[in-house]
Amino acid sequence: MAQQPEPHQLQEWAEKLRHAFDRQSSRPGSGAGAPAVVTGDDGLQHYRLDELWQEIAYLGYHLHWSFESLLDLEHRDRRQLVRRVADLNERAWEEVRTRGST
């Protein structure tokens, strides 16, 4: 099981994420309902900060991986893990519902 981060580490990680996505998240169309990936002024595609936080929190909660490990994942790999974990959770809850109704 991963060691719990110190409060100063959480603050450093948050600042690192904020800094990486400040330019992108301040653009028009970056609020709720906006696409998860937008094209920045540099011509590159950037991932919305709130979407990234949701994925990292979800995977961190279920997989107990470190923040750095989750942040280092490629976008496609992280999205695939989110889908797989969600599928596993759904199957587990379906089993609970099935056993509870018998």
PDB file of N, CA and C in Angstrom:
ATOM      1  N   MET A   1       0.846  -1.174   0.000  1.00  0.00           N
ATOM      2  CA  MET A   1       0.000   0.000   0.000  1.00  0.00           C
ATOM      3  C   MET A   1       0.893   1.239   0.000  1.00  0.00           C
ATOM      4  N   ALA A   2       0.507   2.233  -0.783  1.00  0.00           N
ATOM      5  CA  ALA A   2       1.302   3.447  -0.907  1.00  0.00           C
ATOM      6  C   ALA A   2       1.290   4.240   0.396  1.00  0.00           C
ATOM      7  N   GLN A   3       2.415   4.882   0.670  1.00  0.00           N
ATOM      8  CA  GLN A   3       2.529   5.712   1.861  1.00  0.00           C
ATOM      9  C   GLN A   3       1.728   6.997   1.646  1.00  0.00           C
ATOM     10  N   GLN A   4       1.059   7.444   2.696  1.00  0.00           N
ATOM     11  CA  GLN A   4       0.280   8.674   2.617  1.00  0.00           C
ATOM     12  C   GLN A   4       1.218   9.859   2.428  1.00  0.00           C
ATOM     13  N   PRO A   5       0.880  10.749   1.487  1.00  0.00           N
ATOM     14  CA  PRO A   5       1.736  11.908   1.272  1.00  0.00           C
ATOM     15  C   PRO A   5       1.626  12.905   2.422  1.00  0.00           C
ATOM     16  N   GLU A   6       2.686  13.638   2.634  1.00  0.00           N
ATOM     17  CA  GLU A   6       2.689  14.711   3.614  1.00  0.00           C
ATOM     18  C   GLU A   6       1.884  15.884   3.048  1.00  0.00           C
ATOM     19  N   PRO A   7       1.289  16.704   3.924  1.00  0.00           N
ATOM     20  CA  PRO A   7       0.511  17.848   3.435  1.00  0.00           C
ATOM     21  C   PRO A   7       1.277  18.751   2.482  1.00  0.00           C
ATOM     22  N   HIS A   8       2.575  18.969   2.746  1.00  0.00           N
ATOM     23  CA  HIS A   8       3.345  19.834   1.849  1.00  0.00           C
ATOM     24  C   HIS A   8       3.505  19.205   0.470  1.00  0.00           C
ATOM     25  N   GLN A   9       3.537  17.871   0.397  1.00  0.00           N
ATOM     26  CA  GLN A   9       3.619  17.200  -0.895  1.00  0.00           C
ATOM     27  C   GLN A   9       2.335  17.415  -1.691  1.00  0.00           C
ATOM     28  N   LEU A  10       1.204  17.314  -1.019  1.00  0.00           N
ATOM     29  CA  LEU A  10      -0.065  17.547  -1.700  1.00  0.00           C
ATOM     30  C   LEU A  10      -0.119  18.958  -2.264  1.00  0.00           C
ATOM     31  N   GLN A  11       0.347  19.907  -1.490  1.00  0.00           N
ATOM     32  CA  GLN A  11       0.358  21.297  -1.950  1.00  0.00           C
ATOM     33  C   GLN A  11       1.296  21.454  -3.148  1.00  0.00           C
ATOM     34  N   GLU A  12       2.455  20.819  -3.102  1.00  0.00           N
ATOM     35  CA  GLU A  12       3.398  20.881  -4.224  1.00  0.00           C
ATOM     36  C   GLU A  12       2.783  20.259  -5.478  1.00  0.00           C
ATOM     37  N   TRP A  13       2.106  19.118  -5.326  1.00  0.00           N
ATOM     38  CA  TRP A  13       1.479  18.466  -6.473  1.00  0.00           C
ATOM     39  C   TRP A  13       0.387  19.342  -7.069  1.00  0.00           C
ATOM     40  N   ALA A  14      -0.420  19.932  -6.187  1.00  0.00           N
ATOM     41  CA  ALA A  14      -1.492  20.799  -6.664  1.00  0.00           C
ATOM     42  C   ALA A  14      -0.914  21.982  -7.429  1.00  0.00           C
ATOM     43  N   GLU A  15       0.157  22.565  -6.899  1.00  0.00           N
ATOM     44  CA  GLU A  15       0.797  23.689  -7.579  1.00  0.00           C
ATOM     45  C   GLU A  15       1.378  23.260  -8.920  1.00  0.00           C
ATOM     46  N   LYS A  16       1.966  22.074  -8.960  1.00  0.00           N
ATOM     47  CA  LYS A  16       2.536  21.555 -10.197  1.00  0.00           C
ATOM     48  C   LYS A  16       1.441  21.390 -11.254  1.00  0.00           C
ATOM     49  N   LEU A  17       0.317  20.818 -10.851  1.00  0.00           N
ATOM     50  CA  LEU A  17      -0.801  20.662 -11.785  1.00  0.00           C
ATOM     51  C   LEU A  17      -1.346  22.016 -12.208  1.00  0.00           C
ATOM     52  N   ARG A  18      -1.555  22.899 -11.250  1.00  0.00           N
ATOM     53  CA  ARG A  18      -2.091  24.222 -11.560  1.00  0.00           C
ATOM     54  C   ARG A  18      -1.200  24.958 -12.546  1.00  0.00           C
ATOM     55  N   HIS A  19       0.101  24.907 -12.293  1.00  0.00           N
ATOM     56  CA  HIS A  19       1.045  25.594 -13.159  1.00  0.00           C
ATOM     57  C   HIS A  19       1.009  25.000 -14.571  1.00  0.00           C
ATOM     58  N   ALA A  20       0.947  23.693 -14.654  1.00  0.00           N
ATOM     59  CA  ALA A  20       0.947  23.034 -15.954  1.00  0.00           C
ATOM     60  C   ALA A  20      -0.290  23.351 -16.777  1.00  0.00           C
ATOM     61  N   PHE A  21      -1.398  23.645 -16.116  1.00  0.00           N
ATOM     62  CA  PHE A  21      -2.648  23.818 -16.834  1.00  0.00           C
ATOM     63  C   PHE A  21      -3.257  25.210 -16.713  1.00  0.00           C
ATOM     64  N   ASP A  22      -2.556  26.137 -16.077  1.00  0.00           N
ATOM     65  CA  ASP A  22      -3.100  27.485 -15.903  1.00  0.00           C
ATOM     66  C   ASP A  22      -3.494  28.140 -17.211  1.00  0.00           C
ATOM     67  N   ARG A  23      -2.609  28.121 -18.168  1.00  0.00           N
ATOM     68  CA  ARG A  23      -2.912  28.783 -19.446  1.00  0.00           C
ATOM     69  C   ARG A  23      -4.133  28.161 -20.100  1.00  0.00           C
ATOM     70  N   GLN A  24      -4.213  26.850 -20.085  1.00  0.00           N
ATOM     71  CA  GLN A  24      -5.329  26.162 -20.734  1.00  0.00           C
ATOM     72  C   GLN A  24      -6.634  26.394 -20.013  1.00  0.00           C
ATOM     73  N   SER A  25      -6.629  26.306 -18.689  1.00  0.00           N
ATOM     74  CA  SER A  25      -7.881  26.357 -17.939  1.00  0.00           C
ATOM     75  C   SER A  25      -8.478  27.755 -17.873  1.00  0.00           C
ATOM     76  N   SER A  26      -7.693  28.785 -18.182  1.00  0.00           N
ATOM     77  CA  SER A  26      -8.217  30.144 -18.137  1.00  0.00           C
ATOM     78  C   SER A  26      -8.857  30.558 -19.455  1.00  0.00           C
ATOM     79  N   ARG A  27      -8.806  29.703 -20.449  1.00  0.00           N
ATOM     80  CA  ARG A  27      -9.382  30.013 -21.751  1.00  0.00           C
ATOM     81  C   ARG A  27     -10.896  29.897 -21.740  1.00  0.00           C
ATOM     82  N   PRO A  28     -11.564  30.646 -22.621  1.00  0.00           N
ATOM     83  CA  PRO A  28     -13.014  30.461 -22.764  1.00  0.00           C
ATOM     84  C   PRO A  28     -13.313  29.020 -23.165  1.00  0.00           C
ATOM     85  N   GLY A  29     -14.404  28.496 -22.666  1.00  0.00           N
ATOM     86  CA  GLY A  29     -14.793  27.129 -23.009  1.00  0.00           C
ATOM     87  C   GLY A  29     -14.105  26.078 -22.171  1.00  0.00           C
ATOM     88  N   SER A  30     -13.487  26.466 -21.076  1.00  0.00           N
ATOM     89  CA  SER A  30     -12.813  25.470 -20.239  1.00  0.00           C
ATOM     90  C   SER A  30     -13.625  25.100 -19.013  1.00  0.00           C
ATOM     91  N   GLY A  31     -14.862  25.559 -18.908  1.00  0.00           N
ATOM     92  CA  GLY A  31     -15.703  25.250 -17.757  1.00  0.00           C
ATOM     93  C   GLY A  31     -16.409  23.920 -17.898  1.00  0.00           C
ATOM     94  N   ALA A  32     -17.381  23.680 -17.021  1.00  0.00           N
ATOM     95  CA  ALA A  32     -18.133  22.423 -17.036  1.00  0.00           C
ATOM     96  C   ALA A  32     -18.816  22.245 -18.380  1.00  0.00           C
ATOM     97  N   GLY A  33     -18.787  21.042 -18.878  1.00  0.00           N
ATOM     98  CA  GLY A  33     -19.409  20.730 -20.149  1.00  0.00           C
ATOM     99  C   GLY A  33     -18.495  20.975 -21.333  1.00  0.00           C
ATOM    100  N   ALA A  34     -17.331  21.557 -21.095  1.00  0.00           N
ATOM    101  CA  ALA A  34     -16.372  21.797 -22.172  1.00  0.00           C
ATOM    102  C   ALA A  34     -15.681  20.479 -22.506  1.00  0.00           C
ATOM    103  N   PRO A  35     -15.110  20.382 -23.704  1.00  0.00           N
ATOM    104  CA  PRO A  35     -14.411  19.145 -24.067  1.00  0.00           C
ATOM    105  C   PRO A  35     -13.255  18.859 -23.117  1.00  0.00           C
ATOM    106  N   ALA A  36     -12.953  17.577 -22.920  1.00  0.00           N
ATOM    107  CA  ALA A  36     -11.887  17.186 -22.001  1.00  0.00           C
ATOM    108  C   ALA A  36     -10.517  17.595 -22.523  1.00  0.00           C
ATOM    109  N   VAL A  37     -10.365  17.660 -23.831  1.00  0.00           N
ATOM    110  CA  VAL A  37      -9.094  18.026 -24.435  1.00  0.00           C
ATOM    111  C   VAL A  37      -9.326  19.232 -25.322  1.00  0.00           C
ATOM    112  N   VAL A  38      -8.485  20.240 -25.171  1.00  0.00           N
ATOM    113  CA  VAL A  38      -8.594  21.452 -25.984  1.00  0.00           C
ATOM    114  C   VAL A  38      -7.240  21.742 -26.614  1.00  0.00           C
ATOM    115  N   THR A  39      -7.242  22.485 -27.708  1.00  0.00           N
ATOM    116  CA  THR A  39      -5.997  22.871 -28.361  1.00  0.00           C
ATOM    117  C   THR A  39      -5.538  24.200 -27.798  1.00  0.00           C
ATOM    118  N   GLY A  40      -4.308  24.236 -27.335  1.00  0.00           N
ATOM    119  CA  GLY A  40      -3.758  25.439 -26.725  1.00  0.00           C
ATOM    120  C   GLY A  40      -3.172  26.395 -27.745  1.00  0.00           C
ATOM    121  N   ASP A  41      -2.705  27.532 -27.260  1.00  0.00           N
ATOM    122  CA  ASP A  41      -2.069  28.538 -28.115  1.00  0.00           C
ATOM    123  C   ASP A  41      -0.829  27.980 -28.793  1.00  0.00           C
ATOM    124  N   ASP A  42      -0.219  26.985 -28.180  1.00  0.00           N
ATOM    125  CA  ASP A  42       0.987  26.381 -28.729  1.00  0.00           C
ATOM    126  C   ASP A  42       0.686  25.349 -29.809  1.00  0.00           C
ATOM    127  N   GLY A  43      -0.616  25.150 -30.108  1.00  0.00           N
ATOM    128  CA  GLY A  43      -1.003  24.186 -31.129  1.00  0.00           C
ATOM    129  C   GLY A  43      -1.094  22.764 -30.620  1.00  0.00           C
ATOM    130  N   LEU A  44      -0.722  22.545 -29.369  1.00  0.00           N
ATOM    131  CA  LEU A  44      -0.783  21.207 -28.783  1.00  0.00           C
ATOM    132  C   LEU A  44      -2.108  21.009 -28.066  1.00  0.00           C
ATOM    133  N   GLN A  45      -2.494  19.768 -27.928  1.00  0.00           N
ATOM    134  CA  GLN A  45      -3.716  19.478 -27.199  1.00  0.00           C
ATOM    135  C   GLN A  45      -3.396  19.358 -25.715  1.00  0.00           C
ATOM    136  N   HIS A  46      -4.246  19.982 -24.909  1.00  0.00           N
ATOM    137  CA  HIS A  46      -4.077  19.970 -23.459  1.00  0.00           C
ATOM    138  C   HIS A  46      -5.299  19.354 -22.814  1.00  0.00           C
ATOM    139  N   TYR A  47      -5.061  18.702 -21.712  1.00  0.00           N
ATOM    140  CA  TYR A  47      -6.091  18.020 -20.956  1.00  0.00           C
ATOM    141  C   TYR A  47      -6.652  18.976 -19.917  1.00  0.00           C
ATOM    142  N   ARG A  48      -7.962  19.060 -19.780  1.00  0.00           N
ATOM    143  CA  ARG A  48      -8.561  19.952 -18.791  1.00  0.00           C
ATOM    144  C   ARG A  48      -8.177  19.523 -17.385  1.00  0.00           C
ATOM    145  N   LEU A  49      -7.842  20.499 -16.557  1.00  0.00           N
ATOM    146  CA  LEU A  49      -7.364  20.242 -15.201  1.00  0.00           C
ATOM    147  C   LEU A  49      -8.383  19.486 -14.358  1.00  0.00           C
ATOM    148  N   ASP A  50      -9.663  19.871 -14.413  1.00  0.00           N
ATOM    149  CA  ASP A  50     -10.655  19.192 -13.579  1.00  0.00           C
ATOM    150  C   ASP A  50     -10.842  17.736 -14.013  1.00  0.00           C
ATOM    151  N   GLU A  51     -10.728  17.459 -15.306  1.00  0.00           N
ATOM    152  CA  GLU A  51     -10.830  16.075 -15.785  1.00  0.00           C
ATOM    153  C   GLU A  51      -9.648  15.246 -15.282  1.00  0.00           C
ATOM    154  N   LEU A  52      -8.465  15.836 -15.335  1.00  0.00           N
ATOM    155  CA  LEU A  52      -7.275  15.142 -14.866  1.00  0.00           C
ATOM    156  C   LEU A  52      -7.380  14.831 -13.374  1.00  0.00           C
ATOM    157  N   TRP A  53      -7.828  15.810 -12.575  1.00  0.00           N
ATOM    158  CA  TRP A  53      -8.000  15.588 -11.134  1.00  0.00           C
ATOM    159  C   TRP A  53      -9.005  14.476 -10.866  1.00  0.00           C
ATOM    160  N   GLN A  54     -10.100  14.448 -11.617  1.00  0.00           N
ATOM    161  CA  GLN A  54     -11.104  13.397 -11.418  1.00  0.00           C
ATOM    162  C   GLN A  54     -10.514  12.022 -11.687  1.00  0.00           C
ATOM    163  N   GLU A  55      -9.777  11.881 -12.775  1.00  0.00           N
ATOM    164  CA  GLU A  55      -9.183  10.590 -13.092  1.00  0.00           C
ATOM    165  C   GLU A  55      -8.147  10.172 -12.058  1.00  0.00           C
ATOM    166  N   ILE A  56      -7.301  11.106 -11.648  1.00  0.00           N
ATOM    167  CA  ILE A  56      -6.263  10.778 -10.673  1.00  0.00           C
ATOM    168  C   ILE A  56      -6.888  10.399  -9.332  1.00  0.00           C
ATOM    169  N   ALA A  57      -7.894  11.144  -8.914  1.00  0.00           N
ATOM    170  CA  ALA A  57      -8.557  10.831  -7.642  1.00  0.00           C
ATOM    171  C   ALA A  57      -9.235   9.459  -7.706  1.00  0.00           C
ATOM    172  N   TYR A  58      -9.926   9.194  -8.790  1.00  0.00           N
ATOM    173  CA  TYR A  58     -10.636   7.927  -8.964  1.00  0.00           C
ATOM    174  C   TYR A  58      -9.655   6.750  -8.938  1.00  0.00           C
ATOM    175  N   LEU A  59      -8.600   6.843  -9.733  1.00  0.00           N
ATOM    176  CA  LEU A  59      -7.634   5.750  -9.795  1.00  0.00           C
ATOM    177  C   LEU A  59      -6.838   5.633  -8.493  1.00  0.00           C
ATOM    178  N   GLY A  60      -6.485   6.758  -7.910  1.00  0.00           N
ATOM    179  CA  GLY A  60      -5.758   6.720  -6.645  1.00  0.00           C
ATOM    180  C   GLY A  60      -6.570   6.046  -5.558  1.00  0.00           C
ATOM    181  N   TYR A  61      -7.860   6.356  -5.520  1.00  0.00           N
ATOM    182  CA  TYR A  61      -8.754   5.766  -4.521  1.00  0.00           C
ATOM    183  C   TYR A  61      -8.851   4.251  -4.692  1.00  0.00           C
ATOM    184  N   HIS A  62      -9.034   3.816  -5.921  1.00  0.00           N
ATOM    185  CA  HIS A  62      -9.250   2.387  -6.163  1.00  0.00           C
ATOM    186  C   HIS A  62      -7.967   1.573  -6.266  1.00  0.00           C
ATOM    187  N   LEU A  63      -6.906   2.150  -6.812  1.00  0.00           N
ATOM    188  CA  LEU A  63      -5.683   1.383  -7.037  1.00  0.00           C
ATOM    189  C   LEU A  63      -4.605   1.623  -5.981  1.00  0.00           C
ATOM    190  N   HIS A  64      -4.724   2.712  -5.219  1.00  0.00           N
ATOM    191  CA  HIS A  64      -3.739   3.049  -4.188  1.00  0.00           C
ATOM    192  C   HIS A  64      -2.345   3.262  -4.782  1.00  0.00           C
ATOM    193  N   TRP A  65      -2.320   3.849  -5.979  1.00  0.00           N
ATOM    194  CA  TRP A  65      -1.048   4.184  -6.615  1.00  0.00           C
ATOM    195  C   TRP A  65      -0.649   5.585  -6.196  1.00  0.00           C
ATOM    196  N   SER A  66       0.620   5.888  -6.334  1.00  0.00           N
ATOM    197  CA  SER A  66       1.101   7.218  -5.970  1.00  0.00           C
ATOM    198  C   SER A  66       0.622   8.254  -6.987  1.00  0.00           C
ATOM    199  N   PHE A  67       0.557   9.476  -6.527  1.00  0.00           N
ATOM    200  CA  PHE A  67       0.174  10.592  -7.385  1.00  0.00           C
ATOM    201  C   PHE A  67       1.097  10.678  -8.602  1.00  0.00           C
ATOM    202  N   GLU A  68       2.394  10.563  -8.355  1.00  0.00           N
ATOM    203  CA  GLU A  68       3.367  10.653  -9.446  1.00  0.00           C
ATOM    204  C   GLU A  68       3.152   9.553 -10.474  1.00  0.00           C
ATOM    205  N   SER A  69       2.891   8.330 -10.009  1.00  0.00           N
ATOM    206  CA  SER A  69       2.663   7.219 -10.934  1.00  0.00           C
ATOM    207  C   SER A  69       1.451   7.472 -11.811  1.00  0.00           C
ATOM    208  N   LEU A  70       0.392   7.973 -11.221  1.00  0.00           N
ATOM    209  CA  LEU A  70      -0.823   8.242 -11.986  1.00  0.00           C
ATOM    210  C   LEU A  70      -0.627   9.407 -12.952  1.00  0.00           C
ATOM    211  N   LEU A  71       0.069  10.423 -12.518  1.00  0.00           N
ATOM    212  CA  LEU A  71       0.311  11.588 -13.368  1.00  0.00           C
ATOM    213  C   LEU A  71       1.255  11.245 -14.513  1.00  0.00           C
ATOM    214  N   ASP A  72       2.145  10.295 -14.305  1.00  0.00           N
ATOM    215  CA  ASP A  72       3.096   9.896 -15.345  1.00  0.00           C
ATOM    216  C   ASP A  72       2.474   9.031 -16.432  1.00  0.00           C
ATOM    217  N   LEU A  73       1.285   8.502 -16.189  1.00  0.00           N
ATOM    218  CA  LEU A  73       0.639   7.670 -17.205  1.00  0.00           C
ATOM    219  C   LEU A  73       0.297   8.492 -18.437  1.00  0.00           C
ATOM    220  N   GLU A  74       0.393   7.869 -19.580  1.00  0.00           N
ATOM    221  CA  GLU A  74      -0.064   8.508 -20.815  1.00  0.00           C
ATOM    222  C   GLU A  74      -1.583   8.674 -20.729  1.00  0.00           C
ATOM    223  N   HIS A  75      -2.072   9.686 -21.400  1.00  0.00           N
ATOM    224  CA  HIS A  75      -3.511   9.982 -21.385  1.00  0.00           C
ATOM    225  C   HIS A  75      -4.342   8.748 -21.728  1.00  0.00           C
ATOM    226  N   ARG A  76      -4.011   8.072 -22.805  1.00  0.00           N
ATOM    227  CA  ARG A  76      -4.784   6.887 -23.231  1.00  0.00           C
ATOM    228  C   ARG A  76      -4.752   5.787 -22.183  1.00  0.00           C
ATOM    229  N   ASP A  77      -3.587   5.579 -21.585  1.00  0.00           N
ATOM    230  CA  ASP A  77      -3.462   4.532 -20.565  1.00  0.00           C
ATOM    231  C   ASP A  77      -4.304   4.859 -19.337  1.00  0.00           C
ATOM    232  N   ARG A  78      -4.277   6.129 -18.916  1.00  0.00           N
ATOM    233  CA  ARG A  78      -5.063   6.528 -17.745  1.00  0.00           C
ATOM    234  C   ARG A  78      -6.551   6.380 -18.032  1.00  0.00           C
ATOM    235  N   ARG A  79      -6.995   6.785 -19.219  1.00  0.00           N
ATOM    236  CA  ARG A  79      -8.408   6.642 -19.585  1.00  0.00           C
ATOM    237  C   ARG A  79      -8.806   5.168 -19.634  1.00  0.00           C
ATOM    238  N   GLN A  80      -7.930   4.333 -20.164  1.00  0.00           N
ATOM    239  CA  GLN A  80      -8.208   2.892 -20.219  1.00  0.00           C
ATOM    240  C   GLN A  80      -8.321   2.315 -18.809  1.00  0.00           C
ATOM    241  N   LEU A  81      -7.436   2.720 -17.908  1.00  0.00           N
ATOM    242  CA  LEU A  81      -7.518   2.257 -16.520  1.00  0.00           C
ATOM    243  C   LEU A  81      -8.814   2.699 -15.855  1.00  0.00           C
ATOM    244  N   VAL A  82      -9.220   3.930 -16.098  1.00  0.00           N
ATOM    245  CA  VAL A  82     -10.489   4.413 -15.542  1.00  0.00           C
ATOM    246  C   VAL A  82     -11.632   3.523 -16.020  1.00  0.00           C
ATOM    247  N   ARG A  83     -11.667   3.226 -17.304  1.00  0.00           N
ATOM    248  CA  ARG A  83     -12.734   2.359 -17.842  1.00  0.00           C
ATOM    249  C   ARG A  83     -12.690   0.960 -17.220  1.00  0.00           C
ATOM    250  N   ARG A  84     -11.487   0.407 -17.111  1.00  0.00           N
ATOM    251  CA  ARG A  84     -11.355  -0.956 -16.551  1.00  0.00           C
ATOM    252  C   ARG A  84     -11.761  -1.006 -15.083  1.00  0.00           C
ATOM    253  N   VAL A  85     -11.334  -0.027 -14.312  1.00  0.00           N
ATOM    254  CA  VAL A  85     -11.702   0.010 -12.890  1.00  0.00           C
ATOM    255  C   VAL A  85     -13.209   0.198 -12.753  1.00  0.00           C
ATOM    256  N   ALA A  86     -13.794   1.050 -13.582  1.00  0.00           N
ATOM    257  CA  ALA A  86     -15.242   1.256 -13.544  1.00  0.00           C
ATOM    258  C   ALA A  86     -15.974  -0.043 -13.880  1.00  0.00           C
ATOM    259  N   ASP A  87     -15.474  -0.780 -14.866  1.00  0.00           N
ATOM    260  CA  ASP A  87     -16.082  -2.075 -15.212  1.00  0.00           C
ATOM    261  C   ASP A  87     -15.999  -3.058 -14.048  1.00  0.00           C
ATOM    262  N   LEU A  88     -14.834  -3.124 -13.404  1.00  0.00           N
ATOM    263  CA  LEU A  88     -14.675  -4.012 -12.252  1.00  0.00           C
ATOM    264  C   LEU A  88     -15.623  -3.625 -11.120  1.00  0.00           C
ATOM    265  N   ASN A  89     -15.746  -2.319 -10.874  1.00  0.00           N
ATOM    266  CA  ASN A  89     -16.659  -1.855  -9.833  1.00  0.00           C
ATOM    267  C   ASN A  89     -18.101  -2.216 -10.162  1.00  0.00           C
ATOM    268  N   GLU A  90     -18.480  -2.033 -11.400  1.00  0.00           N
ATOM    269  CA  GLU A  90     -19.850  -2.350 -11.803  1.00  0.00           C
ATOM    270  C   GLU A  90     -20.132  -3.845 -11.632  1.00  0.00           C
ATOM    271  N   ARG A  91     -19.172  -4.675 -12.022  1.00  0.00           N
ATOM    272  CA  ARG A  91     -19.360  -6.125 -11.846  1.00  0.00           C
ATOM    273  C   ARG A  91     -19.459  -6.497 -10.370  1.00  0.00           C
ATOM    274  N   ALA A  92     -18.639  -5.869  -9.552  1.00  0.00           N
ATOM    275  CA  ALA A  92     -18.677  -6.157  -8.107  1.00  0.00           C
ATOM    276  C   ALA A  92     -20.020  -5.745  -7.522  1.00  0.00           C
ATOM    277  N   TRP A  93     -20.513  -4.558  -7.885  1.00  0.00           N
ATOM    278  CA  TRP A  93     -21.810  -4.105  -7.373  1.00  0.00           C
ATOM    279  C   TRP A  93     -22.945  -4.963  -7.914  1.00  0.00           C
ATOM    280  N   GLU A  94     -22.832  -5.420  -9.128  1.00  0.00           N
ATOM    281  CA  GLU A  94     -23.857  -6.299  -9.689  1.00  0.00           C
ATOM    282  C   GLU A  94     -23.924  -7.610  -8.895  1.00  0.00           C
ATOM    283  N   GLU A  95     -22.747  -8.122  -8.526  1.00  0.00           N
ATOM    284  CA  GLU A  95     -22.690  -9.334  -7.712  1.00  0.00           C
ATOM    285  C   GLU A  95     -23.331  -9.101  -6.353  1.00  0.00           C
ATOM    286  N   VAL A  96     -23.078  -7.966  -5.746  1.00  0.00           N
ATOM    287  CA  VAL A  96     -23.688  -7.625  -4.449  1.00  0.00           C
ATOM    288  C   VAL A  96     -25.194  -7.547  -4.597  1.00  0.00           C
ATOM    289  N   ARG A  97     -25.664  -6.883  -5.646  1.00  0.00           N
ATOM    290  CA  ARG A  97     -27.115  -6.756  -5.876  1.00  0.00           C
ATOM    291  C   ARG A  97     -27.758  -8.114  -6.105  1.00  0.00           C
ATOM    292  N   THR A  98     -27.069  -8.968  -6.884  1.00  0.00           N
ATOM    293  CA  THR A  98     -27.602 -10.299  -7.199  1.00  0.00           C
ATOM    294  C   THR A  98     -27.687 -11.153  -5.937  1.00  0.00           C
ATOM    295  N   ARG A  99     -26.644 -11.145  -5.138  1.00  0.00           N
ATOM    296  CA  ARG A  99     -26.639 -11.940  -3.908  1.00  0.00           C
ATOM    297  C   ARG A  99     -27.630 -11.396  -2.886  1.00  0.00           C
ATOM    298  N   GLY A 100     -27.800 -10.083  -2.892  1.00  0.00           N
ATOM    299  CA  GLY A 100     -28.721  -9.472  -1.946  1.00  0.00           C
ATOM    300  C   GLY A 100     -30.180  -9.739  -2.267  1.00  0.00           C
ATOM    301  N   SER A 101     -30.467 -10.031  -3.529  1.00  0.00           N
ATOM    302  CA  SER A 101     -31.868 -10.239  -3.923  1.00  0.00           C
ATOM    303  C   SER A 101     -32.261 -11.717  -3.867  1.00  0.00           C
ATOM    304  N   THR A 102     -31.319 -12.600  -3.554  1.00  0.00           N
ATOM    305  CA  THR A 102     -31.662 -14.033  -3.477  1.00  0.00           C
ATOM    306  C   THR A 102     -31.848 -14.487  -2.057  1.00  0.00           C
TER     307      THR A 102
END
